[in-house]
Amino acid sequence: MAESFIGDVRVSTTFLGLDHNFFGDGPPLLFETMIFGADGKPWDYQERCTTWVQAEAMHARGLAAVHARVPQP
């Protein structure tokens, strides 16, 4: 769905294809945003949501999290 790079850091938002709400106590969780460092290892950041519109906002939050943590030139 979306992939953005800030330096060597990657923000990835994907459609999961399956409901990841494993406990059934809310809406389906169909999109996921994760952040990966330059070494390819995930940061301690993962967020899931239900709709495409929510996923776009979730991706923007992931980008903001990177900007807050990674010094900009």
PDB file of N, CA and C in Angstrom:
ATOM      1  N   MET A   1       0.802  -1.176   0.000  1.00  0.00           N
ATOM      2  CA  MET A   1       0.000   0.000   0.000  1.00  0.00           C
ATOM      3  C   MET A   1       0.855   1.253   0.000  1.00  0.00           C
ATOM      4  N   ALA A   2       1.824   1.347   0.953  1.00  0.00           N
ATOM      5  CA  ALA A   2       2.727   2.494   0.977  1.00  0.00           C
ATOM      6  C   ALA A   2       4.064   2.078   1.572  1.00  0.00           C
ATOM      7  N   GLU A   3       5.118   2.627   0.992  1.00  0.00           N
ATOM      8  CA  GLU A   3       6.468   2.412   1.497  1.00  0.00           C
ATOM      9  C   GLU A   3       7.210   3.729   1.330  1.00  0.00           C
ATOM     10  N   SER A   4       7.785   4.213   2.427  1.00  0.00           N
ATOM     11  CA  SER A   4       8.508   5.477   2.396  1.00  0.00           C
ATOM     12  C   SER A   4       9.856   5.284   3.066  1.00  0.00           C
ATOM     13  N   PHE A   5      10.845   6.035   2.587  1.00  0.00           N
ATOM     14  CA  PHE A   5      12.177   5.981   3.168  1.00  0.00           C
ATOM     15  C   PHE A   5      12.551   7.358   3.694  1.00  0.00           C
ATOM     16  N   ILE A   6      13.112   7.372   4.879  1.00  0.00           N
ATOM     17  CA  ILE A   6      13.696   8.571   5.456  1.00  0.00           C
ATOM     18  C   ILE A   6      15.131   8.171   5.769  1.00  0.00           C
ATOM     19  N   GLY A   7      16.038   8.595   4.913  1.00  0.00           N
ATOM     20  CA  GLY A   7      17.403   8.084   5.011  1.00  0.00           C
ATOM     21  C   GLY A   7      17.366   6.590   4.766  1.00  0.00           C
ATOM     22  N   ASP A   8      17.957   5.837   5.689  1.00  0.00           N
ATOM     23  CA  ASP A   8      17.977   4.375   5.577  1.00  0.00           C
ATOM     24  C   ASP A   8      16.822   3.703   6.309  1.00  0.00           C
ATOM     25  N   VAL A   9      15.927   4.488   6.867  1.00  0.00           N
ATOM     26  CA  VAL A   9      14.809   3.946   7.639  1.00  0.00           C
ATOM     27  C   VAL A   9      13.590   3.804   6.731  1.00  0.00           C
ATOM     28  N   ARG A  10      12.935   2.662   6.812  1.00  0.00           N
ATOM     29  CA  ARG A  10      11.781   2.372   5.955  1.00  0.00           C
ATOM     30  C   ARG A  10      10.504   2.306   6.783  1.00  0.00           C
ATOM     31  N   VAL A  11       9.488   3.022   6.322  1.00  0.00           N
ATOM     32  CA  VAL A  11       8.148   2.943   6.907  1.00  0.00           C
ATOM     33  C   VAL A  11       7.290   2.178   5.905  1.00  0.00           C
ATOM     34  N   SER A  12       6.713   1.086   6.345  1.00  0.00           N
ATOM     35  CA  SER A  12       5.954   0.202   5.462  1.00  0.00           C
ATOM     36  C   SER A  12       4.533   0.034   5.992  1.00  0.00           C
ATOM     37  N   THR A  13       3.563   0.314   5.136  1.00  0.00           N
ATOM     38  CA  THR A  13       2.161   0.063   5.461  1.00  0.00           C
ATOM     39  C   THR A  13       1.627  -0.921   4.431  1.00  0.00           C
ATOM     40  N   THR A  14       1.096  -2.036   4.907  1.00  0.00           N
ATOM     41  CA  THR A  14       0.647  -3.093   4.009  1.00  0.00           C
ATOM     42  C   THR A  14      -0.770  -3.538   4.334  1.00  0.00           C
ATOM     43  N   PHE A  15      -1.425  -4.072   3.315  1.00  0.00           N
ATOM     44  CA  PHE A  15      -2.703  -4.748   3.483  1.00  0.00           C
ATOM     45  C   PHE A  15      -2.378  -6.176   3.869  1.00  0.00           C
ATOM     46  N   LEU A  16      -2.878  -6.627   4.996  1.00  0.00           N
ATOM     47  CA  LEU A  16      -2.513  -7.942   5.511  1.00  0.00           C
ATOM     48  C   LEU A  16      -3.232  -9.092   4.812  1.00  0.00           C
ATOM     49  N   GLY A  17      -4.415  -8.837   4.280  1.00  0.00           N
ATOM     50  CA  GLY A  17      -5.139  -9.880   3.571  1.00  0.00           C
ATOM     51  C   GLY A  17      -5.975 -10.777   4.472  1.00  0.00           C
ATOM     52  N   LEU A  18      -5.648 -10.802   5.749  1.00  0.00           N
ATOM     53  CA  LEU A  18      -6.397 -11.583   6.736  1.00  0.00           C
ATOM     54  C   LEU A  18      -6.629 -10.709   7.960  1.00  0.00           C
ATOM     55  N   ASP A  19      -7.734 -10.927   8.634  1.00  0.00           N
ATOM     56  CA  ASP A  19      -8.034 -10.196   9.855  1.00  0.00           C
ATOM     57  C   ASP A  19      -7.047 -10.597  10.950  1.00  0.00           C
ATOM     58  N   HIS A  20      -6.290  -9.616  11.450  1.00  0.00           N
ATOM     59  CA  HIS A  20      -5.333  -9.877  12.521  1.00  0.00           C
ATOM     60  C   HIS A  20      -5.893  -9.501  13.894  1.00  0.00           C
ATOM     61  N   ASN A  21      -7.199  -9.386  13.994  1.00  0.00           N
ATOM     62  CA  ASN A  21      -7.859  -9.219  15.290  1.00  0.00           C
ATOM     63  C   ASN A  21      -8.162 -10.628  15.791  1.00  0.00           C
ATOM     64  N   PHE A  22      -7.165 -11.246  16.360  1.00  0.00           N
ATOM     65  CA  PHE A  22      -7.244 -12.656  16.713  1.00  0.00           C
ATOM     66  C   PHE A  22      -8.203 -12.939  17.862  1.00  0.00           C
ATOM     67  N   PHE A  23      -8.545 -11.904  18.641  1.00  0.00           N
ATOM     68  CA  PHE A  23      -9.399 -12.121  19.802  1.00  0.00           C
ATOM     69  C   PHE A  23     -10.857 -11.770  19.528  1.00  0.00           C
ATOM     70  N   GLY A  24     -11.149 -11.175  18.359  1.00  0.00           N
ATOM     71  CA  GLY A  24     -12.515 -10.890  17.971  1.00  0.00           C
ATOM     72  C   GLY A  24     -13.225  -9.860  18.820  1.00  0.00           C
ATOM     73  N   ASP A  25     -12.480  -9.006  19.485  1.00  0.00           N
ATOM     74  CA  ASP A  25     -13.085  -8.022  20.376  1.00  0.00           C
ATOM     75  C   ASP A  25     -13.067  -6.615  19.782  1.00  0.00           C
ATOM     76  N   GLY A  26     -13.388  -6.512  18.517  1.00  0.00           N
ATOM     77  CA  GLY A  26     -13.406  -5.218  17.839  1.00  0.00           C
ATOM     78  C   GLY A  26     -13.465  -5.413  16.341  1.00  0.00           C
ATOM     79  N   PRO A  27     -13.239  -4.331  15.595  1.00  0.00           N
ATOM     80  CA  PRO A  27     -13.302  -4.434  14.142  1.00  0.00           C
ATOM     81  C   PRO A  27     -12.118  -5.227  13.593  1.00  0.00           C
ATOM     82  N   PRO A  28     -12.214  -5.681  12.355  1.00  0.00           N
ATOM     83  CA  PRO A  28     -11.095  -6.413  11.757  1.00  0.00           C
ATOM     84  C   PRO A  28      -9.875  -5.511  11.615  1.00  0.00           C
ATOM     85  N   LEU A  29      -8.710  -6.078  11.825  1.00  0.00           N
ATOM     86  CA  LEU A  29      -7.452  -5.350  11.651  1.00  0.00           C
ATOM     87  C   LEU A  29      -6.810  -5.845  10.362  1.00  0.00           C
ATOM     88  N   LEU A  30      -6.891  -5.026   9.332  1.00  0.00           N
ATOM     89  CA  LEU A  30      -6.530  -5.458   7.984  1.00  0.00           C
ATOM     90  C   LEU A  30      -5.277  -4.792   7.422  1.00  0.00           C
ATOM     91  N   PHE A  31      -4.816  -3.697   8.035  1.00  0.00           N
ATOM     92  CA  PHE A  31      -3.638  -2.966   7.577  1.00  0.00           C
ATOM     93  C   PHE A  31      -2.640  -2.870   8.724  1.00  0.00           C
ATOM     94  N   GLU A  32      -1.358  -2.824   8.373  1.00  0.00           N
ATOM     95  CA  GLU A  32      -0.317  -2.756   9.391  1.00  0.00           C
ATOM     96  C   GLU A  32       0.791  -1.807   8.940  1.00  0.00           C
ATOM     97  N   THR A  33       1.258  -0.978   9.864  1.00  0.00           N
ATOM     98  CA  THR A  33       2.422  -0.131   9.617  1.00  0.00           C
ATOM     99  C   THR A  33       3.534  -0.566  10.557  1.00  0.00           C
ATOM    100  N   MET A  34       4.728  -0.731   9.981  1.00  0.00           N
ATOM    101  CA  MET A  34       5.922  -1.044  10.763  1.00  0.00           C
ATOM    102  C   MET A  34       7.055  -0.164  10.258  1.00  0.00           C
ATOM    103  N   ILE A  35       8.042   0.033  11.125  1.00  0.00           N
ATOM    104  CA  ILE A  35       9.234   0.806  10.783  1.00  0.00           C
ATOM    105  C   ILE A  35      10.441  -0.108  10.902  1.00  0.00           C
ATOM    106  N   PHE A  36      11.325  -0.037   9.897  1.00  0.00           N
ATOM    107  CA  PHE A  36      12.521  -0.867   9.860  1.00  0.00           C
ATOM    108  C   PHE A  36      13.753   0.020   9.773  1.00  0.00           C
ATOM    109  N   GLY A  37      14.755  -0.299  10.578  1.00  0.00           N
ATOM    110  CA  GLY A  37      15.996   0.459  10.582  1.00  0.00           C
ATOM    111  C   GLY A  37      16.873   0.120   9.393  1.00  0.00           C
ATOM    112  N   ALA A  38      18.012   0.792   9.310  1.00  0.00           N
ATOM    113  CA  ALA A  38      18.958   0.592   8.211  1.00  0.00           C
ATOM    114  C   ALA A  38      19.439  -0.852   8.142  1.00  0.00           C
ATOM    115  N   ASP A  39      19.464  -1.528   9.292  1.00  0.00           N
ATOM    116  CA  ASP A  39      19.910  -2.924   9.333  1.00  0.00           C
ATOM    117  C   ASP A  39      18.803  -3.900   8.964  1.00  0.00           C
ATOM    118  N   GLY A  40      17.612  -3.368   8.645  1.00  0.00           N
ATOM    119  CA  GLY A  40      16.484  -4.217   8.267  1.00  0.00           C
ATOM    120  C   GLY A  40      15.690  -4.751   9.442  1.00  0.00           C
ATOM    121  N   LYS A  41      16.159  -4.499  10.649  1.00  0.00           N
ATOM    122  CA  LYS A  41      15.447  -4.980  11.833  1.00  0.00           C
ATOM    123  C   LYS A  41      14.309  -4.019  12.168  1.00  0.00           C
ATOM    124  N   PRO A  42      13.178  -4.560  12.608  1.00  0.00           N
ATOM    125  CA  PRO A  42      12.055  -3.682  12.952  1.00  0.00           C
ATOM    126  C   PRO A  42      12.339  -2.873  14.214  1.00  0.00           C
ATOM    127  N   TRP A  43      11.881  -1.630  14.182  1.00  0.00           N
ATOM    128  CA  TRP A  43      11.874  -0.811  15.390  1.00  0.00           C
ATOM    129  C   TRP A  43      10.753  -1.333  16.274  1.00  0.00           C
ATOM    130  N   ASP A  44      10.686  -0.816  17.462  1.00  0.00           N
ATOM    131  CA  ASP A  44       9.599  -1.159  18.377  1.00  0.00           C
ATOM    132  C   ASP A  44       8.385  -0.297  18.016  1.00  0.00           C
ATOM    133  N   TYR A  45       7.859  -0.529  16.814  1.00  0.00           N
ATOM    134  CA  TYR A  45       6.722   0.263  16.323  1.00  0.00           C
ATOM    135  C   TYR A  45       5.885  -0.622  15.415  1.00  0.00           C
ATOM    136  N   GLN A  46       4.647  -0.815  15.801  1.00  0.00           N
ATOM    137  CA  GLN A  46       3.705  -1.563  14.982  1.00  0.00           C
ATOM    138  C   GLN A  46       2.311  -1.043  15.293  1.00  0.00           C
ATOM    139  N   GLU A  47       1.564  -0.787  14.250  1.00  0.00           N
ATOM    140  CA  GLU A  47       0.202  -0.292  14.422  1.00  0.00           C
ATOM    141  C   GLU A  47      -0.674  -0.984  13.386  1.00  0.00           C
ATOM    142  N   ARG A  48      -1.896  -1.318  13.767  1.00  0.00           N
ATOM    143  CA  ARG A  48      -2.841  -1.965  12.852  1.00  0.00           C
ATOM    144  C   ARG A  48      -4.160  -1.214  12.861  1.00  0.00           C
ATOM    145  N   CYS A  49      -4.881  -1.301  11.735  1.00  0.00           N
ATOM    146  CA  CYS A  49      -6.167  -0.610  11.631  1.00  0.00           C
ATOM    147  C   CYS A  49      -7.080  -1.345  10.652  1.00  0.00           C
ATOM    148  N   THR A  50      -8.256  -0.769  10.432  1.00  0.00           N
ATOM    149  CA  THR A  50      -9.318  -1.425   9.677  1.00  0.00           C
ATOM    150  C   THR A  50      -9.459  -0.938   8.240  1.00  0.00           C
ATOM    151  N   THR A  51      -9.441   0.378   8.022  1.00  0.00           N
ATOM    152  CA  THR A  51      -9.780   0.917   6.699  1.00  0.00           C
ATOM    153  C   THR A  51      -8.590   1.525   5.988  1.00  0.00           C
ATOM    154  N   TRP A  52      -8.753   1.717   4.684  1.00  0.00           N
ATOM    155  CA  TRP A  52      -7.720   2.349   3.852  1.00  0.00           C
ATOM    156  C   TRP A  52      -7.430   3.762   4.354  1.00  0.00           C
ATOM    157  N   VAL A  53      -8.470   4.528   4.656  1.00  0.00           N
ATOM    158  CA  VAL A  53      -8.286   5.905   5.140  1.00  0.00           C
ATOM    159  C   VAL A  53      -7.505   5.896   6.452  1.00  0.00           C
ATOM    160  N   GLN A  54      -7.838   4.990   7.351  1.00  0.00           N
ATOM    161  CA  GLN A  54      -7.094   4.872   8.603  1.00  0.00           C
ATOM    162  C   GLN A  54      -5.645   4.486   8.330  1.00  0.00           C
ATOM    163  N   ALA A  55      -5.431   3.623   7.350  1.00  0.00           N
ATOM    164  CA  ALA A  55      -4.074   3.178   7.009  1.00  0.00           C
ATOM    165  C   ALA A  55      -3.230   4.343   6.489  1.00  0.00           C
ATOM    166  N   GLU A  56      -3.837   5.227   5.712  1.00  0.00           N
ATOM    167  CA  GLU A  56      -3.095   6.402   5.235  1.00  0.00           C
ATOM    168  C   GLU A  56      -2.666   7.278   6.409  1.00  0.00           C
ATOM    169  N   ALA A  57      -3.565   7.491   7.363  1.00  0.00           N
ATOM    170  CA  ALA A  57      -3.234   8.285   8.550  1.00  0.00           C
ATOM    171  C   ALA A  57      -2.193   7.561   9.406  1.00  0.00           C
ATOM    172  N   MET A  58      -2.310   6.247   9.500  1.00  0.00           N
ATOM    173  CA  MET A  58      -1.372   5.443  10.272  1.00  0.00           C
ATOM    174  C   MET A  58       0.029   5.543   9.669  1.00  0.00           C
ATOM    175  N   HIS A  59       0.131   5.517   8.340  1.00  0.00           N
ATOM    176  CA  HIS A  59       1.420   5.649   7.664  1.00  0.00           C
ATOM    177  C   HIS A  59       2.027   7.016   7.977  1.00  0.00           C
ATOM    178  N   ALA A  60       1.202   8.056   7.943  1.00  0.00           N
ATOM    179  CA  ALA A  60       1.680   9.406   8.259  1.00  0.00           C
ATOM    180  C   ALA A  60       2.202   9.471   9.697  1.00  0.00           C
ATOM    181  N   ARG A  61       1.538   8.809  10.627  1.00  0.00           N
ATOM    182  CA  ARG A  61       2.019   8.764  12.009  1.00  0.00           C
ATOM    183  C   ARG A  61       3.361   8.051  12.097  1.00  0.00           C
ATOM    184  N   GLY A  62       3.524   6.995  11.315  1.00  0.00           N
ATOM    185  CA  GLY A  62       4.810   6.291  11.282  1.00  0.00           C
ATOM    186  C   GLY A  62       5.920   7.196  10.772  1.00  0.00           C
ATOM    187  N   LEU A  63       5.634   7.959   9.715  1.00  0.00           N
ATOM    188  CA  LEU A  63       6.622   8.906   9.200  1.00  0.00           C
ATOM    189  C   LEU A  63       6.970   9.953  10.248  1.00  0.00           C
ATOM    190  N   ALA A  64       5.959  10.458  10.952  1.00  0.00           N
ATOM    191  CA  ALA A  64       6.200  11.453  12.002  1.00  0.00           C
ATOM    192  C   ALA A  64       7.062  10.867  13.118  1.00  0.00           C
ATOM    193  N   ALA A  65       6.850   9.599  13.445  1.00  0.00           N
ATOM    194  CA  ALA A  65       7.653   8.950  14.477  1.00  0.00           C
ATOM    195  C   ALA A  65       9.111   8.873  14.060  1.00  0.00           C
ATOM    196  N   VAL A  66       9.360   8.591  12.786  1.00  0.00           N
ATOM    197  CA  VAL A  66      10.742   8.542  12.292  1.00  0.00           C
ATOM    198  C   VAL A  66      11.351   9.930  12.327  1.00  0.00           C
ATOM    199  N   HIS A  67      10.623  10.924  11.846  1.00  0.00           N
ATOM    200  CA  HIS A  67      11.142  12.296  11.843  1.00  0.00           C
ATOM    201  C   HIS A  67      11.484  12.763  13.261  1.00  0.00           C
ATOM    202  N   ALA A  68      10.712  12.332  14.234  1.00  0.00           N
ATOM    203  CA  ALA A  68      10.970  12.732  15.615  1.00  0.00           C
ATOM    204  C   ALA A  68      12.221  12.050  16.187  1.00  0.00           C
ATOM    205  N   ARG A  69      12.598  10.913  15.612  1.00  0.00           N
ATOM    206  CA  ARG A  69      13.708  10.133  16.163  1.00  0.00           C
ATOM    207  C   ARG A  69      14.996  10.242  15.367  1.00  0.00           C
ATOM    208  N   VAL A  70      14.891  10.510  14.069  1.00  0.00           N
ATOM    209  CA  VAL A  70      16.074  10.535  13.194  1.00  0.00           C
ATOM    210  C   VAL A  70      16.420  11.983  12.881  1.00  0.00           C
ATOM    211  N   PRO A  71      17.638  12.405  13.178  1.00  0.00           N
ATOM    212  CA  PRO A  71      18.033  13.785  12.844  1.00  0.00           C
ATOM    213  C   PRO A  71      17.968  14.029  11.340  1.00  0.00           C
ATOM    214  N   GLN A  72      17.456  15.174  10.967  1.00  0.00           N
ATOM    215  CA  GLN A  72      17.343  15.537   9.553  1.00  0.00           C
ATOM    216  C   GLN A  72      18.500  16.450   9.158  1.00  0.00           C
ATOM    217  N   PRO A  73      19.000  16.293   7.933  1.00  0.00           N
ATOM    218  CA  PRO A  73      20.138  17.140   7.489  1.00  0.00           C
ATOM    219  C   PRO A  73      19.729  18.592   7.338  1.00  0.00           C
TER     220      PRO A  73
END
